[in-house]
Amino acid sequence: MKKKVLAVLLAGCMTMALAACGGGSDESSSADTDAGTEASSDGSGSVETVEEGKLTVATSPDFAPYEFYAVDEDGNPTLAGFDMALAQYIADYMGLELEVITVDFDGVLSELQTKSVDLGMAGLSPDAKRESIMDFSDIYYGGGQSLVTVKDNADTYNSFEAINNPDVTVGAQTGSIQLDLANENTPDADIISLPKVTDIISELLAGTMDAAYIETAVAESYQQNYPDLEIVMDVPYDTEGSAIGVVKDNPELLAAVNEAIAAALEDGSMDKFVAEASELAAGQTYEGLLDSDGNVQ
């Protein structure tokens, strides 16, 4: 069962240019904006959301540094990542309270398809095959795709040719662009899709998976905590970058999101969010689904 978690970010992401960070706080909702009323301090127009006065965002918190749980010295998890910081920025920009729904990656797509949420933020890459179930915002982060293995296998599994045979097990996240890239570039490999990137990393480190397709920033983040991982090559991909999935048939919301993204890029907030999330991801983290009490689902 999905759980709704208010996106409470760590203190490092609380100095924002437009409003204090802290989903659900009095400050972030002080504009008292209702759905269908003015939803931007600079006239972006009226925006309807699925829940009055709120911006509801689905995410999959297993994708550091995009979204994950940062664990403090007392073992308390806090939802973090630069997607979550940007989500709070957008909500504040629109004068709405932020509410985050944590699901697995496939769940993010399903929530958008059923119009149960306003936005999906999970390191999404624009993809024509997804345009029937969501609209895409402008690119907010330029990333890339990588082929990853472990250091002991770096000289063996370092090209498409080397892994494109049925004796090589290749991983990718279920429902992801990386799974499409695996099928496109190495169709003869033994391709295994798993719901969480953490599962893929575990399989690589355990030696039960030979290589995997992983988003570059995510792979680099895992490398900091697991030095045995090795990025062996860049994977060509036409659209290198991340966008926000926006519920279909809501052009006013899409326009407002793009306006907020432009502001975050222009005022330097996005660079700050990425730097802070990368630093947090190098510490103690949990990547997966937790309930509202912080227990593993």
C-alpha atoms as a PDB file:
ATOM      1  CA  MET A   1       0.000   0.000   0.000  1.00  0.00           C
ATOM      2  CA  LYS A   2       1.332   3.352  -0.883  1.00  0.00           C
ATOM      3  CA  LYS A   3       2.047   5.776   1.902  1.00  0.00           C
ATOM      4  CA  LYS A   4       1.835   9.549   1.789  1.00  0.00           C
ATOM      5  CA  VAL A   5       4.891  11.216   3.251  1.00  0.00           C
ATOM      6  CA  LEU A   6       5.353  14.948   3.636  1.00  0.00           C
ATOM      7  CA  ALA A   7       8.575  15.943   1.965  1.00  0.00           C
ATOM      8  CA  VAL A   8      10.552  17.228   4.955  1.00  0.00           C
ATOM      9  CA  LEU A   9      14.037  17.975   3.651  1.00  0.00           C
ATOM     10  CA  LEU A  10      17.180  18.312   5.738  1.00  0.00           C
ATOM     11  CA  ALA A  11      18.423  21.665   6.962  1.00  0.00           C
ATOM     12  CA  GLY A  12      20.883  21.951   4.098  1.00  0.00           C
ATOM     13  CA  CYS A  13      18.068  22.442   1.612  1.00  0.00           C
ATOM     14  CA  MET A  14      16.124  24.882   3.734  1.00  0.00           C
ATOM     15  CA  THR A  15      17.661  28.132   2.506  1.00  0.00           C
ATOM     16  CA  MET A  16      15.695  28.653  -0.683  1.00  0.00           C
ATOM     17  CA  ALA A  17      15.425  31.805  -2.684  1.00  0.00           C
ATOM     18  CA  LEU A  18      11.664  32.116  -2.548  1.00  0.00           C
ATOM     19  CA  ALA A  19      10.388  30.362   0.566  1.00  0.00           C
ATOM     20  CA  ALA A  20      11.475  28.204   3.471  1.00  0.00           C
ATOM     21  CA  CYS A  21      11.728  24.483   2.711  1.00  0.00           C
ATOM     22  CA  GLY A  22       9.472  22.158   4.696  1.00  0.00           C
ATOM     23  CA  GLY A  23       6.467  20.593   3.022  1.00  0.00           C
ATOM     24  CA  GLY A  24       3.244  21.025   4.944  1.00  0.00           C
ATOM     25  CA  SER A  25       4.530  23.844   7.133  1.00  0.00           C
ATOM     26  CA  ASP A  26       2.625  27.057   7.688  1.00  0.00           C
ATOM     27  CA  GLU A  27       5.284  28.977   5.769  1.00  0.00           C
ATOM     28  CA  SER A  28       5.043  26.883   2.615  1.00  0.00           C
ATOM     29  CA  SER A  29       1.256  27.111   2.558  1.00  0.00           C
ATOM     30  CA  SER A  30       0.898  30.680   3.777  1.00  0.00           C
ATOM     31  CA  ALA A  31      -0.422  31.803   0.385  1.00  0.00           C
ATOM     32  CA  ASP A  32      -3.545  29.767   1.231  1.00  0.00           C
ATOM     33  CA  THR A  33      -3.911  28.916  -2.449  1.00  0.00           C
ATOM     34  CA  ASP A  34      -6.872  26.775  -3.492  1.00  0.00           C
ATOM     35  CA  ALA A  35      -7.023  24.752  -6.696  1.00  0.00           C
ATOM     36  CA  GLY A  36      -8.332  26.864  -9.516  1.00  0.00           C
ATOM     37  CA  THR A  37      -7.155  30.154  -7.976  1.00  0.00           C
ATOM     38  CA  GLU A  38      -4.004  32.179  -8.496  1.00  0.00           C
ATOM     39  CA  ALA A  39      -1.115  29.784  -7.946  1.00  0.00           C
ATOM     40  CA  SER A  40       1.991  31.829  -8.569  1.00  0.00           C
ATOM     41  CA  SER A  41       3.450  34.910  -7.003  1.00  0.00           C
ATOM     42  CA  ASP A  42       4.330  36.299 -10.417  1.00  0.00           C
ATOM     43  CA  GLY A  43       1.155  35.609 -12.359  1.00  0.00           C
ATOM     44  CA  SER A  44       1.588  32.118 -13.829  1.00  0.00           C
ATOM     45  CA  GLY A  45      -2.176  31.803 -13.857  1.00  0.00           C
ATOM     46  CA  SER A  46      -4.769  29.588 -12.186  1.00  0.00           C
ATOM     47  CA  VAL A  47      -3.730  25.971 -11.772  1.00  0.00           C
ATOM     48  CA  GLU A  48      -5.962  23.047 -10.884  1.00  0.00           C
ATOM     49  CA  THR A  49      -4.440  20.239  -8.814  1.00  0.00           C
ATOM     50  CA  VAL A  50      -5.770  16.825  -7.797  1.00  0.00           C
ATOM     51  CA  GLU A  51      -6.134  17.925  -4.195  1.00  0.00           C
ATOM     52  CA  GLU A  52      -7.175  21.443  -3.319  1.00  0.00           C
ATOM     53  CA  GLY A  53      -4.325  23.621  -2.109  1.00  0.00           C
ATOM     54  CA  LYS A  54      -1.710  20.888  -2.565  1.00  0.00           C
ATOM     55  CA  LEU A  55       0.854  19.798  -5.114  1.00  0.00           C
ATOM     56  CA  THR A  56       0.873  16.002  -5.029  1.00  0.00           C
ATOM     57  CA  VAL A  57       4.067  14.344  -6.274  1.00  0.00           C
ATOM     58  CA  ALA A  58       4.800  10.643  -6.748  1.00  0.00           C
ATOM     59  CA  THR A  59       8.396   9.471  -6.370  1.00  0.00           C
ATOM     60  CA  SER A  60      10.397   6.267  -6.013  1.00  0.00           C
ATOM     61  CA  PRO A  61      12.963   6.823  -3.226  1.00  0.00           C
ATOM     62  CA  ASP A  62      15.580   4.365  -4.444  1.00  0.00           C
ATOM     63  CA  PHE A  63      17.430   6.618  -6.846  1.00  0.00           C
ATOM     64  CA  ALA A  64      20.107   8.624  -5.057  1.00  0.00           C
ATOM     65  CA  PRO A  65      20.939  11.449  -5.464  1.00  0.00           C
ATOM     66  CA  TYR A  66      17.548  12.141  -7.082  1.00  0.00           C
ATOM     67  CA  GLU A  67      15.410  10.735  -4.256  1.00  0.00           C
ATOM     68  CA  PHE A  68      16.302   8.592  -1.251  1.00  0.00           C
ATOM     69  CA  TYR A  69      16.181   8.603   2.534  1.00  0.00           C
ATOM     70  CA  ALA A  70      19.027  10.339   4.354  1.00  0.00           C
ATOM     71  CA  VAL A  71      19.586   8.661   7.731  1.00  0.00           C
ATOM     72  CA  ASP A  72      20.841  10.794  10.623  1.00  0.00           C
ATOM     73  CA  GLU A  73      23.148   9.674  13.424  1.00  0.00           C
ATOM     74  CA  ASP A  74      20.136   8.536  15.465  1.00  0.00           C
ATOM     75  CA  GLY A  75      18.903   6.326  12.628  1.00  0.00           C
ATOM     76  CA  ASN A  76      16.014   8.584  11.633  1.00  0.00           C
ATOM     77  CA  PRO A  77      15.256   8.594   7.873  1.00  0.00           C
ATOM     78  CA  THR A  78      14.303  11.797   6.059  1.00  0.00           C
ATOM     79  CA  LEU A  79      13.156  11.925   2.460  1.00  0.00           C
ATOM     80  CA  ALA A  80      15.850  13.793   0.533  1.00  0.00           C
ATOM     81  CA  GLY A  81      17.410  14.241  -2.905  1.00  0.00           C
ATOM     82  CA  PHE A  82      17.509  16.980  -5.481  1.00  0.00           C
ATOM     83  CA  ASP A  83      14.176  15.920  -6.991  1.00  0.00           C
ATOM     84  CA  MET A  84      12.578  16.405  -3.579  1.00  0.00           C
ATOM     85  CA  ALA A  85      14.249  19.784  -3.104  1.00  0.00           C
ATOM     86  CA  LEU A  86      13.024  20.853  -6.534  1.00  0.00           C
ATOM     87  CA  ALA A  87       9.516  19.555  -5.735  1.00  0.00           C
ATOM     88  CA  GLN A  88       9.446  21.769  -2.646  1.00  0.00           C
ATOM     89  CA  TYR A  89      10.731  24.723  -4.657  1.00  0.00           C
ATOM     90  CA  ILE A  90       7.972  24.248  -7.245  1.00  0.00           C
ATOM     91  CA  ALA A  91       5.276  23.932  -4.569  1.00  0.00           C
ATOM     92  CA  ASP A  92       6.513  27.079  -2.838  1.00  0.00           C
ATOM     93  CA  TYR A  93       6.738  28.900  -6.157  1.00  0.00           C
ATOM     94  CA  MET A  94       3.112  28.036  -6.860  1.00  0.00           C
ATOM     95  CA  GLY A  95       1.947  28.803  -3.321  1.00  0.00           C
ATOM     96  CA  LEU A  96       0.894  25.205  -2.654  1.00  0.00           C
ATOM     97  CA  GLU A  97       1.547  22.689   0.099  1.00  0.00           C
ATOM     98  CA  LEU A  98       3.734  19.796  -1.035  1.00  0.00           C
ATOM     99  CA  GLU A  99       2.596  16.225  -0.506  1.00  0.00           C
ATOM    100  CA  VAL A 100       4.785  13.327  -1.636  1.00  0.00           C
ATOM    101  CA  ILE A 101       3.596   9.797  -2.346  1.00  0.00           C
ATOM    102  CA  THR A 102       6.324   7.148  -2.232  1.00  0.00           C
ATOM    103  CA  VAL A 103       5.852   4.161  -4.537  1.00  0.00           C
ATOM    104  CA  ASP A 104       8.093   2.002  -6.675  1.00  0.00           C
ATOM    105  CA  PHE A 105       9.107   3.278 -10.108  1.00  0.00           C
ATOM    106  CA  ASP A 106       6.280   1.514 -11.942  1.00  0.00           C
ATOM    107  CA  GLY A 107       3.937   3.045  -9.389  1.00  0.00           C
ATOM    108  CA  VAL A 108       5.049   6.546 -10.358  1.00  0.00           C
ATOM    109  CA  LEU A 109       3.971   5.858 -13.935  1.00  0.00           C
ATOM    110  CA  SER A 110       0.687   4.325 -12.771  1.00  0.00           C
ATOM    111  CA  GLU A 111      -0.131   7.272 -10.497  1.00  0.00           C
ATOM    112  CA  LEU A 112       0.301   9.647 -13.431  1.00  0.00           C
ATOM    113  CA  GLN A 113      -1.648   7.435 -15.807  1.00  0.00           C
ATOM    114  CA  THR A 114      -4.638   7.300 -13.444  1.00  0.00           C
ATOM    115  CA  LYS A 115      -4.312  11.052 -12.745  1.00  0.00           C
ATOM    116  CA  SER A 116      -3.987  10.353  -9.026  1.00  0.00           C
ATOM    117  CA  VAL A 117      -1.089  12.803  -8.669  1.00  0.00           C
ATOM    118  CA  ASP A 118      -0.060  16.083 -10.227  1.00  0.00           C
ATOM    119  CA  LEU A 119       3.579  15.266 -10.880  1.00  0.00           C
ATOM    120  CA  GLY A 120       5.928  12.313 -11.087  1.00  0.00           C
ATOM    121  CA  MET A 121       9.533  12.999 -10.073  1.00  0.00           C
ATOM    122  CA  ALA A 122      11.816   9.979 -10.270  1.00  0.00           C
ATOM    123  CA  GLY A 123      14.691  10.862 -12.578  1.00  0.00           C
ATOM    124  CA  LEU A 124      12.343  10.522 -15.547  1.00  0.00           C
ATOM    125  CA  SER A 125      13.766  10.860 -19.037  1.00  0.00           C
ATOM    126  CA  PRO A 126      11.440  12.189 -21.740  1.00  0.00           C
ATOM    127  CA  ASP A 127      10.287   9.243 -23.810  1.00  0.00           C
ATOM    128  CA  ALA A 128       7.796   9.233 -26.656  1.00  0.00           C
ATOM    129  CA  LYS A 129       6.400   5.908 -25.433  1.00  0.00           C
ATOM    130  CA  ARG A 130       5.318   7.582 -22.183  1.00  0.00           C
ATOM    131  CA  GLU A 131       3.677  10.597 -23.766  1.00  0.00           C
ATOM    132  CA  SER A 132       0.303   8.836 -23.847  1.00  0.00           C
ATOM    133  CA  ILE A 133       0.195   8.781 -20.029  1.00  0.00           C
ATOM    134  CA  MET A 134       1.999  12.013 -19.089  1.00  0.00           C
ATOM    135  CA  ASP A 135       3.325  15.291 -20.353  1.00  0.00           C
ATOM    136  CA  PHE A 136       6.970  16.172 -19.827  1.00  0.00           C
ATOM    137  CA  SER A 137       8.348  19.354 -18.382  1.00  0.00           C
ATOM    138  CA  ASP A 138      11.441  21.071 -19.674  1.00  0.00           C
ATOM    139  CA  ILE A 139      14.741  19.395 -18.796  1.00  0.00           C
ATOM    140  CA  TYR A 140      15.872  20.403 -15.323  1.00  0.00           C
ATOM    141  CA  TYR A 141      19.004  18.265 -15.005  1.00  0.00           C
ATOM    142  CA  GLY A 142      21.368  17.087 -17.717  1.00  0.00           C
ATOM    143  CA  GLY A 143      22.479  13.561 -17.038  1.00  0.00           C
ATOM    144  CA  GLY A 144      23.550  10.505 -18.976  1.00  0.00           C
ATOM    145  CA  GLN A 145      23.408   6.718 -19.034  1.00  0.00           C
ATOM    146  CA  SER A 146      26.155   4.284 -18.091  1.00  0.00           C
ATOM    147  CA  LEU A 147      27.114   0.629 -18.178  1.00  0.00           C
ATOM    148  CA  VAL A 148      28.217  -0.504 -14.723  1.00  0.00           C
ATOM    149  CA  THR A 149      29.959  -3.601 -13.399  1.00  0.00           C
ATOM    150  CA  VAL A 150      32.446  -4.343 -10.604  1.00  0.00           C
ATOM    151  CA  LYS A 151      36.168  -3.618 -10.750  1.00  0.00           C
ATOM    152  CA  ASP A 152      37.152  -7.276 -11.137  1.00  0.00           C
ATOM    153  CA  ASN A 153      35.024  -7.496 -14.299  1.00  0.00           C
ATOM    154  CA  ALA A 154      35.808  -4.075 -15.724  1.00  0.00           C
ATOM    155  CA  ASP A 155      38.147  -5.466 -18.382  1.00  0.00           C
ATOM    156  CA  THR A 156      35.651  -8.143 -19.382  1.00  0.00           C
ATOM    157  CA  TYR A 157      32.261  -6.431 -19.492  1.00  0.00           C
ATOM    158  CA  ASN A 158      33.267  -3.093 -20.977  1.00  0.00           C
ATOM    159  CA  SER A 159      31.364  -2.961 -24.278  1.00  0.00           C
ATOM    160  CA  PHE A 160      28.024  -3.881 -25.801  1.00  0.00           C
ATOM    161  CA  GLU A 161      29.735  -6.652 -27.751  1.00  0.00           C
ATOM    162  CA  ALA A 162      31.176  -8.144 -24.570  1.00  0.00           C
ATOM    163  CA  ILE A 163      27.837  -8.428 -22.793  1.00  0.00           C
ATOM    164  CA  ASN A 164      25.537  -9.184 -25.718  1.00  0.00           C
ATOM    165  CA  ASN A 165      25.316 -12.924 -25.255  1.00  0.00           C
ATOM    166  CA  PRO A 166      23.005 -15.206 -23.272  1.00  0.00           C
ATOM    167  CA  ASP A 167      25.747 -16.181 -20.812  1.00  0.00           C
ATOM    168  CA  VAL A 168      25.971 -12.630 -19.472  1.00  0.00           C
ATOM    169  CA  THR A 169      23.387 -11.378 -16.979  1.00  0.00           C
ATOM    170  CA  VAL A 170      22.531  -7.706 -17.471  1.00  0.00           C
ATOM    171  CA  GLY A 171      20.321  -5.707 -15.137  1.00  0.00           C
ATOM    172  CA  ALA A 172      18.079  -2.653 -15.436  1.00  0.00           C
ATOM    173  CA  GLN A 173      15.255  -1.136 -13.421  1.00  0.00           C
ATOM    174  CA  THR A 174      11.741  -2.307 -14.271  1.00  0.00           C
ATOM    175  CA  GLY A 175       9.854   0.131 -16.485  1.00  0.00           C
ATOM    176  CA  SER A 176      12.866   2.388 -16.963  1.00  0.00           C
ATOM    177  CA  ILE A 177      14.685   3.958 -19.881  1.00  0.00           C
ATOM    178  CA  GLN A 178      17.649   1.815 -18.843  1.00  0.00           C
ATOM    179  CA  LEU A 179      15.625  -1.339 -19.518  1.00  0.00           C
ATOM    180  CA  ASP A 180      14.812  -0.018 -23.000  1.00  0.00           C
ATOM    181  CA  LEU A 181      18.517   0.654 -23.566  1.00  0.00           C
ATOM    182  CA  ALA A 182      19.410  -2.873 -22.449  1.00  0.00           C
ATOM    183  CA  ASN A 183      16.939  -4.395 -24.884  1.00  0.00           C
ATOM    184  CA  GLU A 184      18.074  -2.082 -27.668  1.00  0.00           C
ATOM    185  CA  ASN A 185      21.831  -2.437 -27.278  1.00  0.00           C
ATOM    186  CA  THR A 186      22.203  -5.963 -25.899  1.00  0.00           C
ATOM    187  CA  PRO A 187      19.112  -7.963 -26.926  1.00  0.00           C
ATOM    188  CA  ASP A 188      20.927 -11.303 -26.752  1.00  0.00           C
ATOM    189  CA  ALA A 189      22.033 -10.868 -23.142  1.00  0.00           C
ATOM    190  CA  ASP A 190      20.201 -12.435 -20.219  1.00  0.00           C
ATOM    191  CA  ILE A 191      18.359  -9.240 -19.257  1.00  0.00           C
ATOM    192  CA  ILE A 192      16.953  -9.094 -15.742  1.00  0.00           C
ATOM    193  CA  SER A 193      14.655  -6.253 -14.676  1.00  0.00           C
ATOM    194  CA  LEU A 194      14.375  -5.486 -10.967  1.00  0.00           C
ATOM    195  CA  PRO A 195      12.066  -2.941  -9.295  1.00  0.00           C
ATOM    196  CA  LYS A 196      14.756  -1.054  -7.356  1.00  0.00           C
ATOM    197  CA  VAL A 197      18.224   0.166  -8.270  1.00  0.00           C
ATOM    198  CA  THR A 198      19.346  -1.005  -4.841  1.00  0.00           C
ATOM    199  CA  ASP A 199      18.470  -4.562  -5.869  1.00  0.00           C
ATOM    200  CA  ILE A 200      20.590  -4.200  -8.989  1.00  0.00           C
ATOM    201  CA  ILE A 201      23.559  -2.879  -7.006  1.00  0.00           C
ATOM    202  CA  SER A 202      23.250  -5.768  -4.546  1.00  0.00           C
ATOM    203  CA  GLU A 203      23.237  -8.298  -7.386  1.00  0.00           C
ATOM    204  CA  LEU A 204      26.318  -6.712  -8.970  1.00  0.00           C
ATOM    205  CA  LEU A 205      28.243  -6.693  -5.702  1.00  0.00           C
ATOM    206  CA  ALA A 206      27.199 -10.277  -4.923  1.00  0.00           C
ATOM    207  CA  GLY A 207      28.441 -11.449  -8.328  1.00  0.00           C
ATOM    208  CA  THR A 208      25.037 -12.757  -9.403  1.00  0.00           C
ATOM    209  CA  MET A 209      24.718 -10.062 -12.067  1.00  0.00           C
ATOM    210  CA  ASP A 210      27.506  -9.240 -14.517  1.00  0.00           C
ATOM    211  CA  ALA A 211      26.645  -5.706 -15.624  1.00  0.00           C
ATOM    212  CA  ALA A 212      23.836  -3.178 -15.477  1.00  0.00           C
ATOM    213  CA  TYR A 213      22.485  -0.080 -17.177  1.00  0.00           C
ATOM    214  CA  ILE A 214      22.188   2.750 -14.629  1.00  0.00           C
ATOM    215  CA  GLU A 215      21.683   6.510 -14.898  1.00  0.00           C
ATOM    216  CA  THR A 216      25.111   8.138 -14.616  1.00  0.00           C
ATOM    217  CA  ALA A 217      24.489  10.422 -11.637  1.00  0.00           C
ATOM    218  CA  VAL A 218      22.942   7.513  -9.753  1.00  0.00           C
ATOM    219  CA  ALA A 219      25.839   5.212 -10.605  1.00  0.00           C
ATOM    220  CA  GLU A 220      28.324   7.850  -9.435  1.00  0.00           C
ATOM    221  CA  SER A 221      26.410   8.230  -6.192  1.00  0.00           C
ATOM    222  CA  TYR A 222      26.502   4.487  -5.509  1.00  0.00           C
ATOM    223  CA  GLN A 223      30.204   4.448  -6.343  1.00  0.00           C
ATOM    224  CA  GLN A 224      30.887   6.737  -3.399  1.00  0.00           C
ATOM    225  CA  ASN A 225      29.437   4.172  -1.000  1.00  0.00           C
ATOM    226  CA  TYR A 226      30.519   1.054  -2.896  1.00  0.00           C
ATOM    227  CA  PRO A 227      34.007   1.638  -4.370  1.00  0.00           C
ATOM    228  CA  ASP A 228      33.986  -1.822  -5.955  1.00  0.00           C
ATOM    229  CA  LEU A 229      31.532  -0.570  -8.571  1.00  0.00           C
ATOM    230  CA  GLU A 230      32.997   0.561 -11.880  1.00  0.00           C
ATOM    231  CA  ILE A 231      31.421   2.676 -14.627  1.00  0.00           C
ATOM    232  CA  VAL A 232      32.909   1.134 -17.751  1.00  0.00           C
ATOM    233  CA  MET A 233      31.293   3.176 -20.531  1.00  0.00           C
ATOM    234  CA  ASP A 234      28.791   5.843 -21.437  1.00  0.00           C
ATOM    235  CA  VAL A 235      25.645   4.559 -23.095  1.00  0.00           C
ATOM    236  CA  PRO A 236      24.461   6.728 -26.015  1.00  0.00           C
ATOM    237  CA  TYR A 237      20.993   8.104 -25.543  1.00  0.00           C
ATOM    238  CA  ASP A 238      19.278  10.762 -27.648  1.00  0.00           C
ATOM    239  CA  THR A 239      17.643  12.598 -24.727  1.00  0.00           C
ATOM    240  CA  GLU A 240      20.206  12.972 -21.997  1.00  0.00           C
ATOM    241  CA  GLY A 241      18.525  14.715 -19.124  1.00  0.00           C
ATOM    242  CA  SER A 242      15.696  14.493 -16.624  1.00  0.00           C
ATOM    243  CA  ALA A 243      12.224  16.001 -16.800  1.00  0.00           C
ATOM    244  CA  ILE A 244       9.178  16.016 -14.554  1.00  0.00           C
ATOM    245  CA  GLY A 245       6.180  13.926 -15.508  1.00  0.00           C
ATOM    246  CA  VAL A 246       3.073  16.135 -15.451  1.00  0.00           C
ATOM    247  CA  VAL A 247      -0.481  14.792 -15.395  1.00  0.00           C
ATOM    248  CA  LYS A 248      -2.081  14.888 -18.836  1.00  0.00           C
ATOM    249  CA  ASP A 249      -4.604  17.529 -19.906  1.00  0.00           C
ATOM    250  CA  ASN A 250      -3.417  20.204 -17.487  1.00  0.00           C
ATOM    251  CA  PRO A 251      -1.536  22.756 -19.616  1.00  0.00           C
ATOM    252  CA  GLU A 252      -1.714  25.405 -16.895  1.00  0.00           C
ATOM    253  CA  LEU A 253       0.107  23.122 -14.460  1.00  0.00           C
ATOM    254  CA  LEU A 254       2.717  22.218 -17.088  1.00  0.00           C
ATOM    255  CA  ALA A 255       3.336  25.905 -17.781  1.00  0.00           C
ATOM    256  CA  ALA A 256       3.666  26.697 -14.080  1.00  0.00           C
ATOM    257  CA  VAL A 257       6.102  23.819 -13.541  1.00  0.00           C
ATOM    258  CA  ASN A 258       8.246  24.965 -16.465  1.00  0.00           C
ATOM    259  CA  GLU A 259       8.221  28.486 -15.088  1.00  0.00           C
ATOM    260  CA  ALA A 260       9.401  27.227 -11.687  1.00  0.00           C
ATOM    261  CA  ILE A 261      12.126  25.087 -13.291  1.00  0.00           C
ATOM    262  CA  ALA A 262      13.395  28.100 -15.231  1.00  0.00           C
ATOM    263  CA  ALA A 263      13.514  30.124 -12.021  1.00  0.00           C
ATOM    264  CA  ALA A 264      15.403  27.373 -10.139  1.00  0.00           C
ATOM    265  CA  LEU A 265      17.967  27.122 -12.923  1.00  0.00           C
ATOM    266  CA  GLU A 266      18.353  30.887 -13.214  1.00  0.00           C
ATOM    267  CA  ASP A 267      18.761  31.685  -9.519  1.00  0.00           C
ATOM    268  CA  GLY A 268      21.240  28.846  -8.917  1.00  0.00           C
ATOM    269  CA  SER A 269      18.924  26.798  -6.696  1.00  0.00           C
ATOM    270  CA  MET A 270      19.158  23.700  -8.888  1.00  0.00           C
ATOM    271  CA  ASP A 271      22.950  23.593  -8.677  1.00  0.00           C
ATOM    272  CA  LYS A 272      22.649  23.938  -4.915  1.00  0.00           C
ATOM    273  CA  PHE A 273      20.091  21.122  -4.705  1.00  0.00           C
ATOM    274  CA  VAL A 274      22.322  18.763  -6.704  1.00  0.00           C
ATOM    275  CA  ALA A 275      25.396  19.541  -4.590  1.00  0.00           C
ATOM    276  CA  GLU A 276      23.540  19.060  -1.311  1.00  0.00           C
ATOM    277  CA  ALA A 277      21.868  15.837  -2.446  1.00  0.00           C
ATOM    278  CA  SER A 278      25.175  14.386  -3.637  1.00  0.00           C
ATOM    279  CA  GLU A 279      26.761  15.148  -0.278  1.00  0.00           C
ATOM    280  CA  LEU A 280      23.868  13.565   1.617  1.00  0.00           C
ATOM    281  CA  ALA A 281      23.927  10.510  -0.644  1.00  0.00           C
ATOM    282  CA  ALA A 282      27.559   9.904   0.308  1.00  0.00           C
ATOM    283  CA  GLY A 283      26.493   9.457   3.936  1.00  0.00           C
ATOM    284  CA  GLN A 284      24.186   6.942   5.542  1.00  0.00           C
ATOM    285  CA  THR A 285      21.140   6.341   3.379  1.00  0.00           C
ATOM    286  CA  TYR A 286      18.204   4.031   2.884  1.00  0.00           C
ATOM    287  CA  GLU A 287      16.816   3.471  -0.589  1.00  0.00           C
ATOM    288  CA  GLY A 288      13.438   1.829  -0.830  1.00  0.00           C
ATOM    289  CA  LEU A 289       9.914   2.204   0.529  1.00  0.00           C
ATOM    290  CA  LEU A 290       9.232   3.171   4.135  1.00  0.00           C
ATOM    291  CA  ASP A 291       5.865   3.677   5.770  1.00  0.00           C
ATOM    292  CA  SER A 292       4.828   6.859   7.557  1.00  0.00           C
ATOM    293  CA  ASP A 293       6.512   5.631  10.760  1.00  0.00           C
ATOM    294  CA  GLY A 294       9.828   5.022   8.999  1.00  0.00           C
ATOM    295  CA  ASN A 295       9.474   1.247   8.889  1.00  0.00           C
ATOM    296  CA  VAL A 296      10.457  -0.826   5.844  1.00  0.00           C
ATOM    297  CA  GLN A 297       7.429  -1.783   3.779  1.00  0.00           C
END
